[in-house]
Amino acid sequence: MKKKVFDCVEMKRQAQVKLMQEYESRKEEFESYVDFLNSTASSDPLVMAFRKKHSESQIREIEDKGAKKVKTA
């Protein structure tokens, strides 16, 4: 069996913790966590490259597919 180099779930958890800590320290600047995420994303070079590569309709389709996978209580 091949040994894993990294744990994807742990990496995601750490990223989420880091984002939440940043939001908590800057929460007065934003109306909501979503506003914070959008602001953070708009200044991220990887997100900017993705948005440049894909049309707005493609991005909406990707977002819609992701939203359908999220289950709410």
C-alpha atoms as a PDB file:
ATOM      1  CA  MET A   1       0.000   0.000   0.000  1.00  0.00           C
ATOM      2  CA  LYS A   2       1.296   3.425  -0.969  1.00  0.00           C
ATOM      3  CA  LYS A   3       1.800   5.824   1.914  1.00  0.00           C
ATOM      4  CA  LYS A   4      -0.113   9.122   1.647  1.00  0.00           C
ATOM      5  CA  VAL A   5       2.052  12.192   1.393  1.00  0.00           C
ATOM      6  CA  PHE A   6      -0.670  14.426   2.853  1.00  0.00           C
ATOM      7  CA  ASP A   7      -4.197  14.242   4.209  1.00  0.00           C
ATOM      8  CA  CYS A   8      -6.676  16.172   2.025  1.00  0.00           C
ATOM      9  CA  VAL A   9      -9.319  16.351   4.746  1.00  0.00           C
ATOM     10  CA  GLU A  10      -6.857  17.714   7.298  1.00  0.00           C
ATOM     11  CA  MET A  11      -5.525  20.236   4.772  1.00  0.00           C
ATOM     12  CA  LYS A  12      -9.081  21.479   4.115  1.00  0.00           C
ATOM     13  CA  ARG A  13      -9.839  21.670   7.845  1.00  0.00           C
ATOM     14  CA  GLN A  14      -6.713  23.733   8.479  1.00  0.00           C
ATOM     15  CA  ALA A  15      -7.592  26.106   5.625  1.00  0.00           C
ATOM     16  CA  GLN A  16     -11.104  26.576   7.012  1.00  0.00           C
ATOM     17  CA  VAL A  17      -9.767  27.258  10.510  1.00  0.00           C
ATOM     18  CA  LYS A  18      -7.333  29.837   9.124  1.00  0.00           C
ATOM     19  CA  LEU A  19     -10.099  31.576   7.138  1.00  0.00           C
ATOM     20  CA  MET A  20     -12.432  31.670  10.142  1.00  0.00           C
ATOM     21  CA  GLN A  21      -9.692  33.127  12.354  1.00  0.00           C
ATOM     22  CA  GLU A  22      -9.017  35.854   9.790  1.00  0.00           C
ATOM     23  CA  TYR A  23     -12.736  36.575   9.498  1.00  0.00           C
ATOM     24  CA  GLU A  24     -13.126  36.808  13.279  1.00  0.00           C
ATOM     25  CA  SER A  25     -10.259  39.305  13.466  1.00  0.00           C
ATOM     26  CA  ARG A  26     -11.744  41.466  10.645  1.00  0.00           C
ATOM     27  CA  LYS A  27     -15.463  40.847  11.036  1.00  0.00           C
ATOM     28  CA  GLU A  28     -16.286  44.570  11.500  1.00  0.00           C
ATOM     29  CA  GLU A  29     -15.180  45.190   7.897  1.00  0.00           C
ATOM     30  CA  PHE A  30     -17.827  42.902   6.372  1.00  0.00           C
ATOM     31  CA  GLU A  31     -21.587  42.434   6.489  1.00  0.00           C
ATOM     32  CA  SER A  32     -21.269  38.650   6.511  1.00  0.00           C
ATOM     33  CA  TYR A  33     -18.890  35.714   6.209  1.00  0.00           C
ATOM     34  CA  VAL A  34     -19.912  35.408   2.544  1.00  0.00           C
ATOM     35  CA  ASP A  35     -18.848  39.021   1.934  1.00  0.00           C
ATOM     36  CA  PHE A  36     -15.518  38.236   3.596  1.00  0.00           C
ATOM     37  CA  LEU A  37     -15.025  35.143   1.423  1.00  0.00           C
ATOM     38  CA  ASN A  38     -15.865  37.044  -1.759  1.00  0.00           C
ATOM     39  CA  SER A  39     -13.460  39.829  -0.805  1.00  0.00           C
ATOM     40  CA  THR A  40     -10.710  37.336   0.013  1.00  0.00           C
ATOM     41  CA  ALA A  41     -11.299  35.436  -3.216  1.00  0.00           C
ATOM     42  CA  SER A  42     -11.212  38.577  -5.348  1.00  0.00           C
ATOM     43  CA  SER A  43      -7.694  39.323  -4.125  1.00  0.00           C
ATOM     44  CA  ASP A  44      -6.373  35.762  -4.546  1.00  0.00           C
ATOM     45  CA  PRO A  45      -4.190  35.287  -7.660  1.00  0.00           C
ATOM     46  CA  LEU A  46      -5.443  31.714  -8.201  1.00  0.00           C
ATOM     47  CA  VAL A  47      -9.082  32.781  -8.053  1.00  0.00           C
ATOM     48  CA  MET A  48      -8.394  35.719 -10.364  1.00  0.00           C
ATOM     49  CA  ALA A  49      -6.702  33.387 -12.885  1.00  0.00           C
ATOM     50  CA  PHE A  50      -9.649  30.971 -12.681  1.00  0.00           C
ATOM     51  CA  ARG A  51     -12.146  33.781 -13.245  1.00  0.00           C
ATOM     52  CA  LYS A  52     -10.118  35.096 -16.183  1.00  0.00           C
ATOM     53  CA  LYS A  53      -9.997  31.640 -17.769  1.00  0.00           C
ATOM     54  CA  HIS A  54     -13.717  30.873 -17.373  1.00  0.00           C
ATOM     55  CA  SER A  55     -16.727  32.902 -18.419  1.00  0.00           C
ATOM     56  CA  GLU A  56     -19.195  34.187 -15.823  1.00  0.00           C
ATOM     57  CA  SER A  57     -21.789  31.615 -16.937  1.00  0.00           C
ATOM     58  CA  GLN A  58     -19.273  28.763 -16.535  1.00  0.00           C
ATOM     59  CA  ILE A  59     -18.447  29.968 -13.030  1.00  0.00           C
ATOM     60  CA  ARG A  60     -22.157  30.141 -12.107  1.00  0.00           C
ATOM     61  CA  GLU A  61     -22.636  26.589 -13.412  1.00  0.00           C
ATOM     62  CA  ILE A  62     -19.705  25.351 -11.301  1.00  0.00           C
ATOM     63  CA  GLU A  63     -21.068  27.181  -8.240  1.00  0.00           C
ATOM     64  CA  ASP A  64     -24.563  25.742  -8.827  1.00  0.00           C
ATOM     65  CA  LYS A  65     -23.212  22.189  -9.050  1.00  0.00           C
ATOM     66  CA  GLY A  66     -21.296  22.707  -5.817  1.00  0.00           C
ATOM     67  CA  ALA A  67     -24.342  24.138  -4.054  1.00  0.00           C
ATOM     68  CA  LYS A  68     -26.423  21.103  -5.024  1.00  0.00           C
ATOM     69  CA  LYS A  69     -23.877  18.819  -3.342  1.00  0.00           C
ATOM     70  CA  VAL A  70     -24.205  20.684  -0.034  1.00  0.00           C
ATOM     71  CA  LYS A  71     -26.878  19.144   2.164  1.00  0.00           C
ATOM     72  CA  THR A  72     -28.648  21.286   4.719  1.00  0.00           C
ATOM     73  CA  ALA A  73     -30.388  20.125   7.879  1.00  0.00           C
END
